[in-house]
Amino acid sequence: MTVDRENICRACGGTGMLADDEGWQYNCSVCRGAGLISGEHPNAKVMEVDENNRLLD
């Protein structure tokens, strides 16, 4: 299977994981941990963060 570079999630670089400045890792909120995005149906959602850019639950 080949991966089209244009479909790789730019937020996480295709890993499906993001890390904050303290090293905590979490699923990428843009691709939902898949590492790939679909150009037809982007599923990014705006999330609330605190003053340190940590996600609020």
N, C-alpha and C. Protein backbone atom coordinates (compact mmCIF):
# COMPACT_ATOMS: atom_id res chain seq x y z
N MET A 1 0.84 -1.18 0.00
CA MET A 1 0.00 0.00 0.00
C MET A 1 0.88 1.24 0.00
N THR A 2 0.62 2.16 -0.89
CA THR A 2 1.37 3.41 -0.94
C THR A 2 0.53 4.52 -0.32
N VAL A 3 1.21 5.46 0.29
CA VAL A 3 0.53 6.58 0.93
C VAL A 3 0.80 7.84 0.13
N ASP A 4 -0.27 8.52 -0.22
CA ASP A 4 -0.16 9.78 -0.93
C ASP A 4 0.27 10.85 0.06
N ARG A 5 1.41 11.49 -0.18
CA ARG A 5 1.94 12.49 0.76
C ARG A 5 0.98 13.65 1.00
N GLU A 6 0.10 13.91 0.07
CA GLU A 6 -0.85 15.01 0.24
C GLU A 6 -1.91 14.67 1.27
N ASN A 7 -2.10 13.39 1.60
CA ASN A 7 -3.11 12.98 2.56
C ASN A 7 -2.55 12.81 3.97
N ILE A 8 -1.24 12.98 4.15
CA ILE A 8 -0.66 12.87 5.48
C ILE A 8 -1.06 14.09 6.30
N CYS A 9 -1.49 13.85 7.51
CA CYS A 9 -1.90 14.93 8.40
C CYS A 9 -0.71 15.83 8.69
N ARG A 10 -0.86 17.11 8.44
CA ARG A 10 0.24 18.05 8.65
C ARG A 10 0.40 18.41 10.12
N ALA A 11 -0.64 18.24 10.91
CA ALA A 11 -0.56 18.59 12.32
C ALA A 11 0.35 17.61 13.08
N CYS A 12 0.25 16.32 12.78
CA CYS A 12 1.03 15.31 13.51
C CYS A 12 2.12 14.68 12.66
N GLY A 13 2.21 15.04 11.39
CA GLY A 13 3.24 14.48 10.52
C GLY A 13 3.01 13.03 10.15
N GLY A 14 1.77 12.56 10.29
CA GLY A 14 1.43 11.19 9.93
C GLY A 14 1.57 10.19 11.06
N THR A 15 1.96 10.64 12.25
CA THR A 15 2.13 9.70 13.37
C THR A 15 0.83 9.43 14.10
N GLY A 16 -0.12 10.36 14.02
CA GLY A 16 -1.39 10.20 14.73
C GLY A 16 -1.32 10.66 16.18
N MET A 17 -0.15 11.12 16.61
CA MET A 17 0.03 11.55 18.00
C MET A 17 0.60 12.96 18.04
N LEU A 18 0.18 13.72 19.02
CA LEU A 18 0.73 15.04 19.30
C LEU A 18 1.27 15.03 20.72
N ALA A 19 2.15 15.94 21.03
CA ALA A 19 2.69 16.05 22.39
C ALA A 19 2.67 17.51 22.81
N ASP A 20 2.38 17.74 24.08
CA ASP A 20 2.42 19.11 24.58
C ASP A 20 3.83 19.45 25.03
N ASP A 21 4.01 20.64 25.56
CA ASP A 21 5.35 21.08 25.94
C ASP A 21 5.91 20.34 27.15
N GLU A 22 5.07 19.60 27.87
CA GLU A 22 5.54 18.80 29.01
C GLU A 22 5.81 17.36 28.61
N GLY A 23 5.59 17.01 27.34
CA GLY A 23 5.86 15.67 26.85
C GLY A 23 4.68 14.71 26.90
N TRP A 24 3.52 15.17 27.38
CA TRP A 24 2.34 14.31 27.39
C TRP A 24 1.87 14.11 25.96
N GLN A 25 1.61 12.87 25.59
CA GLN A 25 1.15 12.57 24.23
C GLN A 25 -0.33 12.27 24.22
N TYR A 26 -0.97 12.62 23.11
CA TYR A 26 -2.39 12.38 22.95
C TYR A 26 -2.70 12.24 21.46
N ASN A 27 -3.86 11.66 21.15
CA ASN A 27 -4.27 11.49 19.76
C ASN A 27 -4.40 12.85 19.09
N CYS A 28 -3.99 12.89 17.85
CA CYS A 28 -4.10 14.12 17.06
C CYS A 28 -5.58 14.48 16.91
N SER A 29 -5.91 15.74 17.21
CA SER A 29 -7.30 16.17 17.12
C SER A 29 -7.73 16.49 15.69
N VAL A 30 -6.78 16.57 14.77
CA VAL A 30 -7.12 16.86 13.38
C VAL A 30 -7.49 15.57 12.65
N CYS A 31 -6.65 14.54 12.76
CA CYS A 31 -6.90 13.29 12.03
C CYS A 31 -7.50 12.21 12.92
N ARG A 32 -7.73 12.53 14.18
CA ARG A 32 -8.28 11.59 15.16
C ARG A 32 -7.39 10.37 15.36
N GLY A 33 -6.07 10.55 15.24
CA GLY A 33 -5.12 9.48 15.49
C GLY A 33 -4.83 8.60 14.30
N ALA A 34 -5.42 8.90 13.15
CA ALA A 34 -5.23 8.05 11.97
C ALA A 34 -3.92 8.37 11.23
N GLY A 35 -3.44 9.60 11.34
CA GLY A 35 -2.24 10.00 10.62
C GLY A 35 -2.50 10.46 9.20
N LEU A 36 -3.69 10.22 8.72
CA LEU A 36 -4.09 10.62 7.36
C LEU A 36 -5.36 11.44 7.42
N ILE A 37 -5.49 12.35 6.46
CA ILE A 37 -6.72 13.12 6.36
C ILE A 37 -7.30 12.95 4.97
N SER A 38 -8.57 13.16 4.88
CA SER A 38 -9.25 13.11 3.60
C SER A 38 -9.52 14.54 3.16
N GLY A 39 -9.10 14.90 1.97
CA GLY A 39 -9.32 16.24 1.47
C GLY A 39 -10.78 16.57 1.25
N GLU A 40 -11.59 15.53 1.05
CA GLU A 40 -13.00 15.75 0.80
C GLU A 40 -13.78 16.07 2.06
N HIS A 41 -13.43 15.41 3.16
CA HIS A 41 -14.18 15.56 4.40
C HIS A 41 -13.25 15.85 5.57
N PRO A 42 -12.75 17.06 5.65
CA PRO A 42 -11.88 17.36 6.80
C PRO A 42 -12.69 17.27 8.09
N ASN A 43 -12.16 16.59 9.08
CA ASN A 43 -12.91 16.39 10.32
C ASN A 43 -12.25 17.08 11.51
N ALA A 44 -11.58 18.19 11.24
CA ALA A 44 -10.98 18.95 12.32
C ALA A 44 -12.06 19.70 13.08
N LYS A 45 -11.87 19.80 14.37
CA LYS A 45 -12.81 20.58 15.14
C LYS A 45 -12.04 21.52 16.06
N VAL A 46 -12.63 22.66 16.34
CA VAL A 46 -12.00 23.64 17.20
C VAL A 46 -12.20 23.19 18.64
N MET A 47 -11.10 23.18 19.40
CA MET A 47 -11.17 22.76 20.79
C MET A 47 -10.75 23.91 21.69
N GLU A 48 -11.24 23.89 22.92
CA GLU A 48 -10.87 24.94 23.86
C GLU A 48 -9.55 24.59 24.53
N VAL A 49 -8.71 25.59 24.73
CA VAL A 49 -7.43 25.41 25.41
C VAL A 49 -7.29 26.48 26.49
N ASP A 50 -6.43 26.19 27.48
CA ASP A 50 -6.16 27.19 28.50
C ASP A 50 -5.01 28.08 28.06
N GLU A 51 -4.52 28.94 28.95
CA GLU A 51 -3.48 29.90 28.58
C GLU A 51 -2.16 29.23 28.23
N ASN A 52 -1.98 27.94 28.62
CA ASN A 52 -0.77 27.19 28.29
C ASN A 52 -0.98 26.27 27.09
N ASN A 53 -2.07 26.47 26.36
CA ASN A 53 -2.44 25.65 25.19
C ASN A 53 -2.69 24.19 25.53
N ARG A 54 -3.15 23.92 26.74
CA ARG A 54 -3.55 22.56 27.11
C ARG A 54 -5.04 22.41 26.82
N LEU A 55 -5.42 21.26 26.29
CA LEU A 55 -6.81 21.03 25.96
C LEU A 55 -7.66 20.97 27.21
N LEU A 56 -8.83 21.59 27.13
CA LEU A 56 -9.78 21.56 28.24
C LEU A 56 -10.81 20.47 27.98
N ASP A 57 -11.12 19.68 28.99
CA ASP A 57 -12.12 18.63 28.86
C ASP A 57 -13.50 19.16 29.15
